[in-house]
Amino acid sequence: MSQAGRPGPQPGPPGAPALDWSTGSYESTAEQDQLLPAARLVIERADVGVDDRVLDLGCGTGNAALLAAAHTTRVTGVDPAARLLDVARARAAGDGKDVTFLVGDAGSIPLQDSSVDVIVSVFAVIFAPDPSAAAAEMSRVLAPTGRIVLSAWVPSGTLIKMTTTASEAIRQALGAPAPEPFAWHDLHALTRLFAPHRLAVEVEQHSLPFTAASPREFLEIEVENHPVAVTGLRVLEQAGRADAVRSQLLTILEEGNEDPQQFRLTSPYIVATARHDR
């Protein structure tokens, strides 16, 4: 559930190996400048004040937590991947920022009731296997006057086509049924999710570019570094389908490339803000 996960269906195919965000070199992906605008926008919409207690849920390597720490000294990052938390701690120490990082996940947040004024989650809580449990936990730790600001991918565009194709290949290799992902991007779905907790939701849409020297370079970076790709590739290799799927994914990237000189794709995403409905 680490920060700035690539667009793709969530959760993964039933029967797939449990996703370990410590796999690969996710810090190489999460710290790319092209991902930071979304984290900055989430923190901007969160309107963090000097006295606010902030939770970065699914903090990964700490992008949003470190941005929040520029506004308040009361920041906690929570993530299930212990190795990524070590990376986040080192980054915070290097920046001279005092941030607490804890192992935990959206279904069991290691904080007290009503102990947080602001919850941010940048492409992270969307990986929660149980959205209802995540919403209940966020509501539990949120103070009565608090707010939740999260980002989620809109399921359209070339990157979604690529990740959906990869997920389908993995599902077929496992002989698993098709999943029914929660529509984190959809206002009506989010409204239903948070309504039992008396939280009203607003949604705004944005887009984020992804760039590389070429479509092939982009694909190789993903395959070598991103935990989802690394885990999925192991399944495909065991099924003898890795090379064929790589070729298929490269074709998708080449056909969807927006920059004939190098490589560029634009992926839409939303920023949702939930507040107590008074």
C-alpha atoms as a PDB file:
ATOM      1  CA  MET A   1       0.000   0.000   0.000  1.00  0.00           C
ATOM      2  CA  SER A   2       2.916   2.262  -0.551  1.00  0.00           C
ATOM      3  CA  GLN A   3       2.762   5.718  -1.914  1.00  0.00           C
ATOM      4  CA  ALA A   4       2.310   6.563  -5.587  1.00  0.00           C
ATOM      5  CA  GLY A   5       1.516   3.044  -6.807  1.00  0.00           C
ATOM      6  CA  ARG A   6       1.169   2.888 -10.578  1.00  0.00           C
ATOM      7  CA  PRO A   7      -2.297   2.852 -12.145  1.00  0.00           C
ATOM      8  CA  GLY A   8      -3.863  -0.568 -12.215  1.00  0.00           C
ATOM      9  CA  PRO A   9      -6.718  -2.707 -11.012  1.00  0.00           C
ATOM     10  CA  GLN A  10      -6.878  -3.312  -7.271  1.00  0.00           C
ATOM     11  CA  PRO A  11      -6.711  -5.717  -5.597  1.00  0.00           C
ATOM     12  CA  GLY A  12      -4.575  -8.206  -7.539  1.00  0.00           C
ATOM     13  CA  PRO A  13      -5.918 -11.446  -8.930  1.00  0.00           C
ATOM     14  CA  PRO A  14      -7.169 -13.875  -6.258  1.00  0.00           C
ATOM     15  CA  GLY A  15      -4.592 -16.582  -5.663  1.00  0.00           C
ATOM     16  CA  ALA A  16      -1.662 -14.317  -6.531  1.00  0.00           C
ATOM     17  CA  PRO A  17       1.309 -14.208  -4.160  1.00  0.00           C
ATOM     18  CA  ALA A  18       0.848 -11.663  -1.387  1.00  0.00           C
ATOM     19  CA  LEU A  19       2.187  -8.319  -2.560  1.00  0.00           C
ATOM     20  CA  ASP A  20       5.255  -7.254  -0.593  1.00  0.00           C
ATOM     21  CA  TRP A  21       6.057  -3.597  -1.238  1.00  0.00           C
ATOM     22  CA  SER A  22       9.617  -4.238  -0.022  1.00  0.00           C
ATOM     23  CA  THR A  23      10.172  -6.300  -3.177  1.00  0.00           C
ATOM     24  CA  GLY A  24      12.141  -4.625  -5.950  1.00  0.00           C
ATOM     25  CA  SER A  25      13.416  -1.073  -5.553  1.00  0.00           C
ATOM     26  CA  TYR A  26      10.246   0.928  -5.058  1.00  0.00           C
ATOM     27  CA  GLU A  27      12.200   3.911  -3.771  1.00  0.00           C
ATOM     28  CA  SER A  28      13.583   4.326  -7.319  1.00  0.00           C
ATOM     29  CA  THR A  29      10.003   4.774  -8.544  1.00  0.00           C
ATOM     30  CA  ALA A  30       8.468   6.724  -5.659  1.00  0.00           C
ATOM     31  CA  GLU A  31      11.146   9.404  -5.583  1.00  0.00           C
ATOM     32  CA  GLN A  32      10.968  10.304  -9.275  1.00  0.00           C
ATOM     33  CA  ASP A  33      10.143  13.978  -9.694  1.00  0.00           C
ATOM     34  CA  GLN A  34       7.272  13.138 -12.040  1.00  0.00           C
ATOM     35  CA  LEU A  35       5.332  11.610  -9.124  1.00  0.00           C
ATOM     36  CA  LEU A  36       5.811  14.462  -6.680  1.00  0.00           C
ATOM     37  CA  PRO A  37       3.188  16.865  -8.115  1.00  0.00           C
ATOM     38  CA  ALA A  38       0.384  14.571  -6.945  1.00  0.00           C
ATOM     39  CA  ALA A  39       1.818  14.401  -3.429  1.00  0.00           C
ATOM     40  CA  ARG A  40       2.213  18.177  -3.358  1.00  0.00           C
ATOM     41  CA  LEU A  41      -1.375  18.644  -4.502  1.00  0.00           C
ATOM     42  CA  VAL A  42      -2.713  16.295  -1.826  1.00  0.00           C
ATOM     43  CA  ILE A  43      -0.810  18.183   0.883  1.00  0.00           C
ATOM     44  CA  GLU A  44      -2.031  21.490  -0.539  1.00  0.00           C
ATOM     45  CA  ARG A  45      -5.655  20.315  -0.452  1.00  0.00           C
ATOM     46  CA  ALA A  46      -5.148  18.989   3.093  1.00  0.00           C
ATOM     47  CA  ASP A  47      -4.344  22.544   4.215  1.00  0.00           C
ATOM     48  CA  VAL A  48      -2.005  21.343   6.964  1.00  0.00           C
ATOM     49  CA  GLY A  49      -1.658  23.764   9.876  1.00  0.00           C
ATOM     50  CA  VAL A  50       1.160  24.100  12.375  1.00  0.00           C
ATOM     51  CA  ASP A  51      -0.810  22.317  15.113  1.00  0.00           C
ATOM     52  CA  ASP A  52      -2.324  19.597  12.929  1.00  0.00           C
ATOM     53  CA  ARG A  53      -1.617  15.951  13.655  1.00  0.00           C
ATOM     54  CA  VAL A  54      -1.043  14.342  10.250  1.00  0.00           C
ATOM     55  CA  LEU A  55      -1.151  10.683   9.205  1.00  0.00           C
ATOM     56  CA  ASP A  56       0.355   9.644   5.871  1.00  0.00           C
ATOM     57  CA  LEU A  57      -1.396   6.306   5.324  1.00  0.00           C
ATOM     58  CA  GLY A  58       0.586   4.003   3.055  1.00  0.00           C
ATOM     59  CA  CYS A  59       3.512   6.393   3.280  1.00  0.00           C
ATOM     60  CA  GLY A  60       6.034   4.188   1.487  1.00  0.00           C
ATOM     61  CA  THR A  61       9.283   6.116   1.195  1.00  0.00           C
ATOM     62  CA  GLY A  62       7.722   9.182   2.805  1.00  0.00           C
ATOM     63  CA  ASN A  63       7.019  11.679   0.018  1.00  0.00           C
ATOM     64  CA  ALA A  64       3.791  13.094   1.472  1.00  0.00           C
ATOM     65  CA  ALA A  65       4.949  12.747   5.080  1.00  0.00           C
ATOM     66  CA  LEU A  66       8.036  14.848   4.391  1.00  0.00           C
ATOM     67  CA  LEU A  67       5.966  17.470   2.577  1.00  0.00           C
ATOM     68  CA  ALA A  68       3.554  17.625   5.527  1.00  0.00           C
ATOM     69  CA  ALA A  69       6.497  17.976   7.918  1.00  0.00           C
ATOM     70  CA  ALA A  70       7.254  21.333   6.332  1.00  0.00           C
ATOM     71  CA  HIS A  71       4.018  22.590   7.925  1.00  0.00           C
ATOM     72  CA  THR A  72       3.831  20.732  11.251  1.00  0.00           C
ATOM     73  CA  THR A  73       6.087  18.678  13.516  1.00  0.00           C
ATOM     74  CA  ARG A  74       3.287  16.221  14.311  1.00  0.00           C
ATOM     75  CA  VAL A  75       3.502  13.818  11.368  1.00  0.00           C
ATOM     76  CA  THR A  76       3.217  10.022  11.401  1.00  0.00           C
ATOM     77  CA  GLY A  77       3.749   7.715   8.441  1.00  0.00           C
ATOM     78  CA  VAL A  78       2.242   4.217   8.420  1.00  0.00           C
ATOM     79  CA  ASP A  79       3.078   1.467   5.928  1.00  0.00           C
ATOM     80  CA  PRO A  80       3.259  -2.353   5.968  1.00  0.00           C
ATOM     81  CA  ALA A  81       6.675  -2.433   4.243  1.00  0.00           C
ATOM     82  CA  ALA A  82       9.362  -2.194   6.931  1.00  0.00           C
ATOM     83  CA  ARG A  83      12.194  -1.720   4.429  1.00  0.00           C
ATOM     84  CA  LEU A  84      10.492   1.261   2.819  1.00  0.00           C
ATOM     85  CA  LEU A  85       9.964   2.772   6.258  1.00  0.00           C
ATOM     86  CA  ASP A  86      13.726   2.534   6.792  1.00  0.00           C
ATOM     87  CA  VAL A  87      14.184   4.491   3.564  1.00  0.00           C
ATOM     88  CA  ALA A  88      11.645   7.059   4.761  1.00  0.00           C
ATOM     89  CA  ARG A  89      13.401   7.439   8.133  1.00  0.00           C
ATOM     90  CA  ALA A  90      16.734   8.017   6.409  1.00  0.00           C
ATOM     91  CA  ARG A  91      15.183  10.637   4.131  1.00  0.00           C
ATOM     92  CA  ALA A  92      13.586  12.418   7.085  1.00  0.00           C
ATOM     93  CA  ALA A  93      16.871  12.411   8.991  1.00  0.00           C
ATOM     94  CA  GLY A  94      18.687  13.758   5.949  1.00  0.00           C
ATOM     95  CA  ASP A  95      16.141  16.573   5.659  1.00  0.00           C
ATOM     96  CA  GLY A  96      16.313  17.318   9.373  1.00  0.00           C
ATOM     97  CA  LYS A  97      12.599  16.550   9.837  1.00  0.00           C
ATOM     98  CA  ASP A  98      11.095  14.815  12.855  1.00  0.00           C
ATOM     99  CA  VAL A  99       8.598  12.270  11.509  1.00  0.00           C
ATOM    100  CA  THR A 100       7.403   9.096  13.233  1.00  0.00           C
ATOM    101  CA  PHE A 101       7.167   6.019  11.010  1.00  0.00           C
ATOM    102  CA  LEU A 102       5.217   2.921  12.094  1.00  0.00           C
ATOM    103  CA  VAL A 103       4.507  -0.485  10.590  1.00  0.00           C
ATOM    104  CA  GLY A 104       0.793  -0.915   9.941  1.00  0.00           C
ATOM    105  CA  ASP A 105      -1.868  -0.961   7.249  1.00  0.00           C
ATOM    106  CA  ALA A 106      -5.196   0.620   6.385  1.00  0.00           C
ATOM    107  CA  GLY A 107      -7.185  -2.186   7.960  1.00  0.00           C
ATOM    108  CA  SER A 108      -5.437  -1.827  11.318  1.00  0.00           C
ATOM    109  CA  ILE A 109      -3.963   1.631  11.871  1.00  0.00           C
ATOM    110  CA  PRO A 110      -1.646   1.642  14.930  1.00  0.00           C
ATOM    111  CA  LEU A 111      -3.025   4.918  16.347  1.00  0.00           C
ATOM    112  CA  GLN A 112      -5.554   5.864  19.014  1.00  0.00           C
ATOM    113  CA  ASP A 113      -9.151   6.930  18.354  1.00  0.00           C
ATOM    114  CA  SER A 114      -9.576  10.564  17.253  1.00  0.00           C
ATOM    115  CA  SER A 115      -5.817  11.113  17.355  1.00  0.00           C
ATOM    116  CA  VAL A 116      -5.349  12.589  13.860  1.00  0.00           C
ATOM    117  CA  ASP A 117      -6.511  15.875  12.349  1.00  0.00           C
ATOM    118  CA  VAL A 118      -5.474  15.136   8.761  1.00  0.00           C
ATOM    119  CA  ILE A 119      -5.153  11.828   6.923  1.00  0.00           C
ATOM    120  CA  VAL A 120      -3.426  11.864   3.539  1.00  0.00           C
ATOM    121  CA  SER A 121      -2.941   8.889   1.248  1.00  0.00           C
ATOM    122  CA  VAL A 122      -1.232   9.290  -2.112  1.00  0.00           C
ATOM    123  CA  PHE A 123      -2.151   6.368  -4.408  1.00  0.00           C
ATOM    124  CA  ALA A 124      -1.928   4.106  -1.362  1.00  0.00           C
ATOM    125  CA  VAL A 125      -5.188   3.268   0.391  1.00  0.00           C
ATOM    126  CA  ILE A 126      -6.486   2.265  -3.055  1.00  0.00           C
ATOM    127  CA  PHE A 127      -4.499  -0.954  -2.570  1.00  0.00           C
ATOM    128  CA  ALA A 128      -6.350  -1.851   0.644  1.00  0.00           C
ATOM    129  CA  PRO A 129      -7.861  -5.336   0.242  1.00  0.00           C
ATOM    130  CA  ASP A 130     -10.952  -4.304   2.256  1.00  0.00           C
ATOM    131  CA  PRO A 131     -12.075  -0.735   1.435  1.00  0.00           C
ATOM    132  CA  SER A 132     -14.839  -0.798   4.066  1.00  0.00           C
ATOM    133  CA  ALA A 133     -12.386  -1.751   6.793  1.00  0.00           C
ATOM    134  CA  ALA A 134     -10.001   0.973   5.629  1.00  0.00           C
ATOM    135  CA  ALA A 135     -12.773   3.587   5.713  1.00  0.00           C
ATOM    136  CA  ALA A 136     -13.788   2.474   9.206  1.00  0.00           C
ATOM    137  CA  GLU A 137     -10.213   2.671  10.466  1.00  0.00           C
ATOM    138  CA  MET A 138      -9.622   6.088   8.945  1.00  0.00           C
ATOM    139  CA  SER A 139     -12.839   7.323  10.535  1.00  0.00           C
ATOM    140  CA  ARG A 140     -11.834   5.838  13.898  1.00  0.00           C
ATOM    141  CA  VAL A 141      -8.500   7.649  14.131  1.00  0.00           C
ATOM    142  CA  LEU A 142      -9.812  10.897  12.620  1.00  0.00           C
ATOM    143  CA  ALA A 143     -10.712  13.746  14.967  1.00  0.00           C
ATOM    144  CA  PRO A 144     -14.301  15.117  14.736  1.00  0.00           C
ATOM    145  CA  THR A 145     -13.115  18.216  12.860  1.00  0.00           C
ATOM    146  CA  GLY A 146     -10.573  16.353  10.725  1.00  0.00           C
ATOM    147  CA  ARG A 147     -10.370  15.622   7.007  1.00  0.00           C
ATOM    148  CA  ILE A 148      -9.131  12.870   4.717  1.00  0.00           C
ATOM    149  CA  VAL A 149      -7.429  13.678   1.415  1.00  0.00           C
ATOM    150  CA  LEU A 150      -6.530  10.812  -0.929  1.00  0.00           C
ATOM    151  CA  SER A 151      -5.551  10.344  -4.537  1.00  0.00           C
ATOM    152  CA  ALA A 152      -6.652   7.521  -6.821  1.00  0.00           C
ATOM    153  CA  TRP A 153      -6.095   6.632 -10.453  1.00  0.00           C
ATOM    154  CA  VAL A 154      -8.902   6.973 -12.970  1.00  0.00           C
ATOM    155  CA  PRO A 155      -9.118   3.659 -14.886  1.00  0.00           C
ATOM    156  CA  SER A 156      -8.495   4.984 -18.396  1.00  0.00           C
ATOM    157  CA  GLY A 157      -5.531   5.562 -20.663  1.00  0.00           C
ATOM    158  CA  THR A 158      -2.505   3.622 -21.828  1.00  0.00           C
ATOM    159  CA  LEU A 159      -1.048   2.798 -18.425  1.00  0.00           C
ATOM    160  CA  ILE A 160      -4.350   1.339 -17.280  1.00  0.00           C
ATOM    161  CA  LYS A 161      -4.480  -0.727 -20.481  1.00  0.00           C
ATOM    162  CA  MET A 162      -0.943  -1.967 -19.797  1.00  0.00           C
ATOM    163  CA  THR A 163      -1.523  -2.885 -16.149  1.00  0.00           C
ATOM    164  CA  THR A 164      -4.912  -4.444 -16.879  1.00  0.00           C
ATOM    165  CA  THR A 165      -3.330  -6.596 -19.588  1.00  0.00           C
ATOM    166  CA  ALA A 166      -0.589  -7.692 -17.186  1.00  0.00           C
ATOM    167  CA  SER A 167      -3.090  -8.446 -14.414  1.00  0.00           C
ATOM    168  CA  GLU A 168      -5.234 -10.497 -16.778  1.00  0.00           C
ATOM    169  CA  ALA A 169      -2.189 -12.520 -17.877  1.00  0.00           C
ATOM    170  CA  ILE A 170      -1.312 -13.207 -14.233  1.00  0.00           C
ATOM    171  CA  ARG A 171      -4.910 -14.153 -13.459  1.00  0.00           C
ATOM    172  CA  GLN A 172      -4.965 -16.603 -16.348  1.00  0.00           C
ATOM    173  CA  ALA A 173      -1.619 -18.085 -15.295  1.00  0.00           C
ATOM    174  CA  LEU A 174      -3.027 -18.683 -11.821  1.00  0.00           C
ATOM    175  CA  GLY A 175      -6.409 -19.886 -13.048  1.00  0.00           C
ATOM    176  CA  ALA A 176      -7.986 -17.320 -10.739  1.00  0.00           C
ATOM    177  CA  PRO A 177     -11.370 -15.570 -11.066  1.00  0.00           C
ATOM    178  CA  ALA A 178     -11.517 -11.946 -12.140  1.00  0.00           C
ATOM    179  CA  PRO A 179     -11.435  -9.501  -9.194  1.00  0.00           C
ATOM    180  CA  GLU A 180     -13.996  -6.779  -8.565  1.00  0.00           C
ATOM    181  CA  PRO A 181     -11.917  -3.700  -7.695  1.00  0.00           C
ATOM    182  CA  PHE A 182     -13.427  -0.873  -5.691  1.00  0.00           C
ATOM    183  CA  ALA A 183     -13.968   2.343  -7.678  1.00  0.00           C
ATOM    184  CA  TRP A 184     -11.814   4.679  -5.586  1.00  0.00           C
ATOM    185  CA  HIS A 185     -11.972   7.246  -8.404  1.00  0.00           C
ATOM    186  CA  ASP A 186     -15.767   7.484  -8.415  1.00  0.00           C
ATOM    187  CA  LEU A 187     -17.601  10.105  -6.327  1.00  0.00           C
ATOM    188  CA  HIS A 188     -20.694   7.948  -5.873  1.00  0.00           C
ATOM    189  CA  ALA A 189     -18.673   4.936  -4.733  1.00  0.00           C
ATOM    190  CA  LEU A 190     -16.678   7.062  -2.298  1.00  0.00           C
ATOM    191  CA  THR A 191     -19.850   8.679  -0.991  1.00  0.00           C
ATOM    192  CA  ARG A 192     -21.332   5.243  -0.247  1.00  0.00           C
ATOM    193  CA  LEU A 193     -18.082   4.112   1.349  1.00  0.00           C
ATOM    194  CA  PHE A 194     -17.792   7.042   3.757  1.00  0.00           C
ATOM    195  CA  ALA A 195     -21.498   7.763   4.383  1.00  0.00           C
ATOM    196  CA  PRO A 196     -21.763   5.313   7.326  1.00  0.00           C
ATOM    197  CA  HIS A 197     -19.065   7.374   9.046  1.00  0.00           C
ATOM    198  CA  ARG A 198     -20.849  10.670   8.384  1.00  0.00           C
ATOM    199  CA  LEU A 199     -18.123  11.861   6.028  1.00  0.00           C
ATOM    200  CA  ALA A 200     -19.041  13.923   2.967  1.00  0.00           C
ATOM    201  CA  VAL A 201     -16.825  13.615  -0.117  1.00  0.00           C
ATOM    202  CA  GLU A 202     -15.719  16.014  -2.837  1.00  0.00           C
ATOM    203  CA  VAL A 203     -13.689  14.947  -5.889  1.00  0.00           C
ATOM    204  CA  GLU A 204     -11.556  16.873  -8.376  1.00  0.00           C
ATOM    205  CA  GLN A 205      -9.755  15.452 -11.417  1.00  0.00           C
ATOM    206  CA  HIS A 206      -6.153  15.982 -12.468  1.00  0.00           C
ATOM    207  CA  SER A 207      -3.545  14.250 -14.632  1.00  0.00           C
ATOM    208  CA  LEU A 208       0.036  13.163 -14.189  1.00  0.00           C
ATOM    209  CA  PRO A 209       2.669  12.627 -16.904  1.00  0.00           C
ATOM    210  CA  PHE A 210       5.085   9.697 -16.986  1.00  0.00           C
ATOM    211  CA  THR A 211       8.243  10.077 -19.053  1.00  0.00           C
ATOM    212  CA  ALA A 212      11.307   8.090 -20.083  1.00  0.00           C
ATOM    213  CA  ALA A 213      13.844   7.980 -22.885  1.00  0.00           C
ATOM    214  CA  SER A 214      11.770   5.365 -24.719  1.00  0.00           C
ATOM    215  CA  PRO A 215       8.826   2.985 -24.209  1.00  0.00           C
ATOM    216  CA  ARG A 216      11.272   0.110 -23.739  1.00  0.00           C
ATOM    217  CA  GLU A 217      13.188   1.966 -21.026  1.00  0.00           C
ATOM    218  CA  PHE A 218       9.961   2.772 -19.188  1.00  0.00           C
ATOM    219  CA  LEU A 219       8.897  -0.879 -19.268  1.00  0.00           C
ATOM    220  CA  GLU A 220      12.287  -2.106 -18.062  1.00  0.00           C
ATOM    221  CA  ILE A 221      12.295   0.363 -15.167  1.00  0.00           C
ATOM    222  CA  GLU A 222       8.865  -0.891 -14.109  1.00  0.00           C
ATOM    223  CA  VAL A 223       9.802  -4.565 -14.423  1.00  0.00           C
ATOM    224  CA  GLU A 224      13.026  -4.157 -12.466  1.00  0.00           C
ATOM    225  CA  ASN A 225      11.809  -1.850  -9.697  1.00  0.00           C
ATOM    226  CA  HIS A 226       8.063  -1.807  -9.068  1.00  0.00           C
ATOM    227  CA  PRO A 227       6.875  -4.424  -6.521  1.00  0.00           C
ATOM    228  CA  VAL A 228       3.695  -5.198  -8.467  1.00  0.00           C
ATOM    229  CA  ALA A 229       5.677  -5.851 -11.653  1.00  0.00           C
ATOM    230  CA  VAL A 230       8.392  -7.849  -9.893  1.00  0.00           C
ATOM    231  CA  THR A 231       5.854 -10.087  -8.140  1.00  0.00           C
ATOM    232  CA  GLY A 232       3.765 -10.554 -11.263  1.00  0.00           C
ATOM    233  CA  LEU A 233       6.785 -11.357 -13.427  1.00  0.00           C
ATOM    234  CA  ARG A 234       7.673 -14.265 -11.151  1.00  0.00           C
ATOM    235  CA  VAL A 235       4.234 -15.761 -11.750  1.00  0.00           C
ATOM    236  CA  LEU A 236       4.518 -15.307 -15.518  1.00  0.00           C
ATOM    237  CA  GLU A 237       8.032 -16.783 -15.615  1.00  0.00           C
ATOM    238  CA  GLN A 238       6.806 -19.891 -13.819  1.00  0.00           C
ATOM    239  CA  ALA A 239       4.033 -20.176 -16.398  1.00  0.00           C
ATOM    240  CA  GLY A 240       6.464 -19.663 -19.297  1.00  0.00           C
ATOM    241  CA  ARG A 241       4.631 -16.510 -20.421  1.00  0.00           C
ATOM    242  CA  ALA A 242       6.947 -13.720 -19.287  1.00  0.00           C
ATOM    243  CA  ASP A 243       8.520 -12.941 -22.681  1.00  0.00           C
ATOM    244  CA  ALA A 244       5.201 -12.950 -24.531  1.00  0.00           C
ATOM    245  CA  VAL A 245       3.575 -10.622 -21.995  1.00  0.00           C
ATOM    246  CA  ARG A 246       6.597  -8.279 -22.033  1.00  0.00           C
ATOM    247  CA  SER A 247       6.268  -8.002 -25.811  1.00  0.00           C
ATOM    248  CA  GLN A 248       2.540  -7.320 -25.530  1.00  0.00           C
ATOM    249  CA  LEU A 249       3.074  -4.614 -22.900  1.00  0.00           C
ATOM    250  CA  LEU A 250       5.788  -2.934 -24.972  1.00  0.00           C
ATOM    251  CA  THR A 251       3.430  -2.777 -27.952  1.00  0.00           C
ATOM    252  CA  ILE A 252       0.767  -1.115 -25.791  1.00  0.00           C
ATOM    253  CA  LEU A 253       3.275   1.491 -24.609  1.00  0.00           C
ATOM    254  CA  GLU A 254       4.559   2.162 -28.116  1.00  0.00           C
ATOM    255  CA  GLU A 255       1.041   2.588 -29.535  1.00  0.00           C
ATOM    256  CA  GLY A 256       0.026   4.914 -26.688  1.00  0.00           C
ATOM    257  CA  ASN A 257       3.202   6.990 -26.618  1.00  0.00           C
ATOM    258  CA  GLU A 258       2.426  10.716 -26.756  1.00  0.00           C
ATOM    259  CA  ASP A 259       5.995  11.797 -27.640  1.00  0.00           C
ATOM    260  CA  PRO A 260       7.444  10.266 -30.820  1.00  0.00           C
ATOM    261  CA  GLN A 261      10.935  11.552 -29.940  1.00  0.00           C
ATOM    262  CA  GLN A 262      11.090   9.928 -26.475  1.00  0.00           C
ATOM    263  CA  PHE A 263       8.291   8.604 -24.256  1.00  0.00           C
ATOM    264  CA  ARG A 264       5.394  10.283 -22.492  1.00  0.00           C
ATOM    265  CA  LEU A 265       2.052   9.111 -21.171  1.00  0.00           C
ATOM    266  CA  THR A 266      -0.549  11.091 -19.263  1.00  0.00           C
ATOM    267  CA  SER A 267      -2.663   9.341 -16.639  1.00  0.00           C
ATOM    268  CA  PRO A 268      -5.777  10.907 -15.096  1.00  0.00           C
ATOM    269  CA  TYR A 269      -6.293  10.758 -11.344  1.00  0.00           C
ATOM    270  CA  ILE A 270      -8.589  12.235  -8.732  1.00  0.00           C
ATOM    271  CA  VAL A 271      -8.038  13.929  -5.419  1.00  0.00           C
ATOM    272  CA  ALA A 272     -10.884  13.245  -2.995  1.00  0.00           C
ATOM    273  CA  THR A 273     -11.495  15.149   0.231  1.00  0.00           C
ATOM    274  CA  ALA A 274     -13.740  13.694   2.943  1.00  0.00           C
ATOM    275  CA  ARG A 275     -14.942  15.743   5.911  1.00  0.00           C
ATOM    276  CA  HIS A 276     -17.463  15.149   8.672  1.00  0.00           C
ATOM    277  CA  ASP A 277     -20.934  15.972   7.361  1.00  0.00           C
ATOM    278  CA  ARG A 278     -22.387  18.439   9.836  1.00  0.00           C
END
